[in-house]
């Protein structure tokens, strides 16, 4: 739950989110990191999740939070980029 995420994150300098799968997930960990003012990165390899994270960019910027998604090991970023190109 969200309060538990905030409690776990609030004294951290960086969240490295590797607890997939990211398919059909919501960016609750990123939201908690933003609420705590904590930098965030993940290994997302899912386009919908990446887009949900991108939608939080204004909120992250307003809180001064650096957030990088798709630092994936699958590779995440290239999968998301390829998916976006295919849809265009």
N, C-alpha and C. Protein backbone atom coordinates (compact mmCIF):
# COMPACT_ATOMS: atom_id res chain seq x y z
N UNK A 1 0.84 -1.18 0.00
CA UNK A 1 0.00 0.00 0.00
C UNK A 1 0.89 1.26 0.00
N UNK A 2 0.30 2.37 -0.38
CA UNK A 2 1.06 3.60 -0.56
C UNK A 2 1.77 4.07 0.71
N UNK A 3 1.11 4.09 1.87
CA UNK A 3 1.81 4.52 3.09
C UNK A 3 3.03 3.65 3.40
N UNK A 4 2.96 2.37 3.13
CA UNK A 4 4.10 1.48 3.36
C UNK A 4 5.24 1.80 2.41
N UNK A 5 4.92 2.11 1.16
CA UNK A 5 5.95 2.50 0.19
C UNK A 5 6.65 3.79 0.65
N UNK A 6 5.85 4.77 1.07
CA UNK A 6 6.42 6.03 1.54
C UNK A 6 7.33 5.79 2.75
N UNK A 7 6.88 4.97 3.67
CA UNK A 7 7.69 4.67 4.86
C UNK A 7 9.01 4.01 4.49
N UNK A 8 8.97 3.13 3.49
CA UNK A 8 10.19 2.44 3.07
C UNK A 8 11.15 3.36 2.32
N UNK A 9 10.62 4.36 1.63
CA UNK A 9 11.42 5.22 0.76
C UNK A 9 11.91 6.48 1.46
N UNK A 10 11.19 6.98 2.42
CA UNK A 10 11.40 8.35 2.93
C UNK A 10 12.81 8.67 3.40
N UNK A 11 13.60 7.71 3.80
CA UNK A 11 14.96 8.01 4.25
C UNK A 11 16.02 7.59 3.23
N UNK A 12 15.60 7.34 1.99
CA UNK A 12 16.51 6.89 0.94
C UNK A 12 16.90 8.04 0.02
N UNK A 13 18.06 7.93 -0.60
CA UNK A 13 18.50 8.91 -1.58
C UNK A 13 18.10 8.52 -3.00
N UNK A 14 17.90 7.22 -3.23
CA UNK A 14 17.59 6.71 -4.57
C UNK A 14 16.77 5.44 -4.44
N UNK A 15 15.73 5.34 -5.27
CA UNK A 15 14.95 4.12 -5.39
C UNK A 15 15.34 3.46 -6.71
N UNK A 16 15.76 2.21 -6.65
CA UNK A 16 16.02 1.42 -7.86
C UNK A 16 14.97 0.32 -7.88
N UNK A 17 13.96 0.50 -8.72
CA UNK A 17 12.80 -0.39 -8.77
C UNK A 17 13.05 -1.50 -9.77
N UNK A 18 13.22 -2.72 -9.26
CA UNK A 18 13.45 -3.88 -10.12
C UNK A 18 12.40 -4.96 -9.92
N UNK A 19 11.36 -4.66 -9.17
CA UNK A 19 10.36 -5.67 -8.81
C UNK A 19 9.26 -5.75 -9.85
N UNK A 20 9.59 -6.30 -11.01
CA UNK A 20 8.58 -6.51 -12.04
C UNK A 20 7.71 -7.70 -11.68
N UNK A 21 6.87 -8.14 -12.58
CA UNK A 21 6.76 -7.60 -13.93
C UNK A 21 6.03 -6.26 -13.94
N UNK A 22 6.36 -5.46 -14.92
CA UNK A 22 5.79 -4.13 -15.02
C UNK A 22 4.51 -4.10 -15.86
N UNK A 23 4.25 -5.17 -16.60
CA UNK A 23 3.03 -5.23 -17.40
C UNK A 23 1.80 -5.14 -16.50
N UNK A 24 0.89 -4.27 -16.89
CA UNK A 24 -0.37 -4.03 -16.18
C UNK A 24 -0.17 -3.49 -14.77
N UNK A 25 1.01 -2.97 -14.47
CA UNK A 25 1.29 -2.39 -13.15
C UNK A 25 1.06 -0.88 -13.19
N UNK A 26 0.87 -0.31 -12.04
CA UNK A 26 0.75 1.14 -11.88
C UNK A 26 2.05 1.66 -11.26
N UNK A 27 2.42 2.89 -11.55
CA UNK A 27 3.69 3.41 -11.04
C UNK A 27 3.61 3.90 -9.59
N UNK A 28 3.13 3.04 -8.71
CA UNK A 28 2.97 3.42 -7.30
C UNK A 28 4.31 3.71 -6.64
N UNK A 29 5.34 2.96 -6.99
CA UNK A 29 6.65 3.19 -6.39
C UNK A 29 7.18 4.55 -6.81
N UNK A 30 7.00 4.91 -8.09
CA UNK A 30 7.42 6.23 -8.55
C UNK A 30 6.62 7.32 -7.85
N UNK A 31 5.33 7.14 -7.70
CA UNK A 31 4.51 8.13 -7.00
C UNK A 31 4.99 8.33 -5.57
N UNK A 32 5.34 7.23 -4.91
CA UNK A 32 5.85 7.33 -3.54
C UNK A 32 7.20 8.03 -3.51
N UNK A 33 8.06 7.74 -4.49
CA UNK A 33 9.36 8.41 -4.56
C UNK A 33 9.17 9.91 -4.75
N UNK A 34 8.25 10.29 -5.61
CA UNK A 34 7.97 11.71 -5.83
C UNK A 34 7.47 12.35 -4.53
N UNK A 35 6.56 11.67 -3.85
CA UNK A 35 6.03 12.21 -2.59
C UNK A 35 7.13 12.41 -1.55
N UNK A 36 8.17 11.56 -1.60
CA UNK A 36 9.27 11.65 -0.64
C UNK A 36 10.40 12.55 -1.12
N UNK A 37 10.34 13.00 -2.37
CA UNK A 37 11.42 13.80 -2.93
C UNK A 37 12.68 12.98 -3.19
N UNK A 38 12.49 11.71 -3.52
CA UNK A 38 13.60 10.78 -3.70
C UNK A 38 13.78 10.43 -5.17
N UNK A 39 15.02 10.45 -5.64
CA UNK A 39 15.32 10.07 -7.03
C UNK A 39 14.90 8.62 -7.29
N UNK A 40 14.58 8.33 -8.56
CA UNK A 40 13.98 7.04 -8.92
C UNK A 40 14.52 6.55 -10.24
N UNK A 41 14.72 5.24 -10.34
CA UNK A 41 14.98 4.59 -11.62
C UNK A 41 14.37 3.20 -11.59
N UNK A 42 14.05 2.68 -12.77
CA UNK A 42 13.51 1.33 -12.83
C UNK A 42 14.04 0.59 -14.06
N UNK A 43 13.75 -0.70 -14.11
CA UNK A 43 14.16 -1.53 -15.23
C UNK A 43 12.96 -1.94 -16.07
N UNK A 44 11.98 -1.07 -16.14
CA UNK A 44 10.75 -1.31 -16.89
C UNK A 44 11.06 -1.71 -18.33
N UNK A 45 10.26 -2.64 -18.84
CA UNK A 45 10.35 -3.02 -20.25
C UNK A 45 8.96 -3.02 -20.89
N UNK A 46 8.05 -2.24 -20.33
CA UNK A 46 6.67 -2.22 -20.80
C UNK A 46 6.27 -0.81 -21.21
N UNK A 47 5.75 -0.68 -22.42
CA UNK A 47 5.41 0.63 -22.95
C UNK A 47 4.34 1.34 -22.12
N UNK A 48 3.28 0.64 -21.74
CA UNK A 48 2.19 1.28 -20.99
C UNK A 48 2.70 1.79 -19.63
N UNK A 49 3.53 1.02 -18.97
CA UNK A 49 4.08 1.45 -17.69
C UNK A 49 4.98 2.67 -17.89
N UNK A 50 5.81 2.63 -18.91
CA UNK A 50 6.70 3.76 -19.20
C UNK A 50 5.91 5.03 -19.48
N UNK A 51 4.81 4.90 -20.22
CA UNK A 51 3.97 6.06 -20.51
C UNK A 51 3.30 6.59 -19.24
N UNK A 52 2.88 5.69 -18.34
CA UNK A 52 2.29 6.12 -17.07
C UNK A 52 3.32 6.87 -16.24
N UNK A 53 4.57 6.42 -16.28
CA UNK A 53 5.64 7.14 -15.58
C UNK A 53 5.88 8.50 -16.21
N UNK A 54 5.88 8.54 -17.52
CA UNK A 54 6.11 9.81 -18.22
C UNK A 54 5.03 10.83 -17.89
N UNK A 55 3.82 10.36 -17.69
CA UNK A 55 2.72 11.26 -17.33
C UNK A 55 2.96 11.93 -15.98
N UNK A 56 3.82 11.35 -15.16
CA UNK A 56 4.14 11.92 -13.84
C UNK A 56 5.29 12.90 -13.90
N UNK A 57 5.85 13.14 -15.09
CA UNK A 57 7.00 14.04 -15.23
C UNK A 57 6.76 15.43 -14.65
N UNK A 58 5.61 16.06 -14.91
CA UNK A 58 5.40 17.40 -14.33
C UNK A 58 5.41 17.38 -12.80
N UNK A 59 4.82 16.36 -12.23
CA UNK A 59 4.79 16.24 -10.76
C UNK A 59 6.19 16.01 -10.21
N UNK A 60 6.97 15.15 -10.88
CA UNK A 60 8.34 14.88 -10.45
C UNK A 60 9.18 16.15 -10.55
N UNK A 61 9.03 16.88 -11.65
CA UNK A 61 9.79 18.12 -11.83
C UNK A 61 9.43 19.15 -10.75
N UNK A 62 8.15 19.24 -10.45
CA UNK A 62 7.70 20.20 -9.43
C UNK A 62 8.29 19.87 -8.06
N UNK A 63 8.54 18.59 -7.80
CA UNK A 63 9.12 18.17 -6.51
C UNK A 63 10.65 18.10 -6.56
N UNK A 64 11.22 18.38 -7.76
CA UNK A 64 12.67 18.32 -7.91
C UNK A 64 13.21 16.90 -7.89
N UNK A 65 12.40 15.95 -8.35
CA UNK A 65 12.78 14.54 -8.33
C UNK A 65 13.24 14.11 -9.72
N UNK A 66 14.45 13.57 -9.79
CA UNK A 66 14.94 12.95 -11.02
C UNK A 66 14.36 11.56 -11.09
N UNK A 67 13.77 11.22 -12.24
CA UNK A 67 13.18 9.89 -12.42
C UNK A 67 13.54 9.39 -13.81
N UNK A 68 14.16 8.22 -13.85
CA UNK A 68 14.56 7.60 -15.12
C UNK A 68 13.91 6.23 -15.18
N UNK A 69 13.09 6.03 -16.18
CA UNK A 69 12.45 4.74 -16.37
C UNK A 69 13.06 4.04 -17.58
N UNK A 70 12.87 2.76 -17.66
CA UNK A 70 13.36 1.94 -18.78
C UNK A 70 14.88 1.81 -18.81
N UNK A 71 15.49 1.73 -17.65
CA UNK A 71 16.93 1.46 -17.59
C UNK A 71 17.13 -0.06 -17.69
N UNK A 72 16.21 -0.70 -18.36
CA UNK A 72 16.06 -2.14 -18.34
C UNK A 72 17.25 -2.96 -18.76
N UNK A 73 17.16 -4.21 -18.37
CA UNK A 73 18.19 -5.19 -18.66
C UNK A 73 17.77 -6.09 -19.81
N UNK A 74 16.66 -5.81 -20.47
CA UNK A 74 16.11 -6.72 -21.48
C UNK A 74 16.39 -6.38 -22.93
N UNK A 75 16.72 -5.32 -23.44
CA UNK A 75 16.89 -3.97 -22.90
C UNK A 75 15.57 -3.22 -22.91
N UNK A 76 15.27 -2.54 -21.86
CA UNK A 76 14.00 -1.84 -21.70
C UNK A 76 13.81 -0.69 -22.64
N UNK A 77 14.74 0.26 -22.67
CA UNK A 77 14.56 1.47 -23.46
C UNK A 77 14.40 1.16 -24.94
N UNK A 78 15.21 0.28 -25.48
CA UNK A 78 15.10 -0.01 -26.91
C UNK A 78 13.79 -0.72 -27.23
N UNK A 79 13.29 -1.54 -26.31
CA UNK A 79 11.98 -2.18 -26.53
C UNK A 79 10.87 -1.14 -26.57
N UNK A 80 10.90 -0.19 -25.67
CA UNK A 80 9.87 0.86 -25.63
C UNK A 80 9.96 1.71 -26.90
N UNK A 81 11.16 2.07 -27.31
CA UNK A 81 11.31 2.87 -28.53
C UNK A 81 10.81 2.11 -29.75
N UNK A 82 11.15 0.85 -29.87
CA UNK A 82 10.69 0.03 -31.01
C UNK A 82 9.17 -0.07 -31.01
N UNK A 83 8.59 -0.27 -29.84
CA UNK A 83 7.14 -0.35 -29.74
C UNK A 83 6.48 0.95 -30.20
N UNK A 84 7.04 2.08 -29.81
CA UNK A 84 6.48 3.38 -30.22
C UNK A 84 6.59 3.56 -31.72
N UNK A 85 7.69 3.14 -32.32
CA UNK A 85 7.86 3.26 -33.77
C UNK A 85 6.86 2.39 -34.52
N UNK A 86 6.63 1.19 -34.03
CA UNK A 86 5.69 0.27 -34.68
C UNK A 86 4.28 0.85 -34.67
N UNK A 87 3.91 1.50 -33.56
CA UNK A 87 2.56 2.08 -33.46
C UNK A 87 2.38 3.29 -34.34
N UNK A 88 3.47 3.94 -34.74
CA UNK A 88 3.36 5.12 -35.61
C UNK A 88 3.30 4.65 -37.00
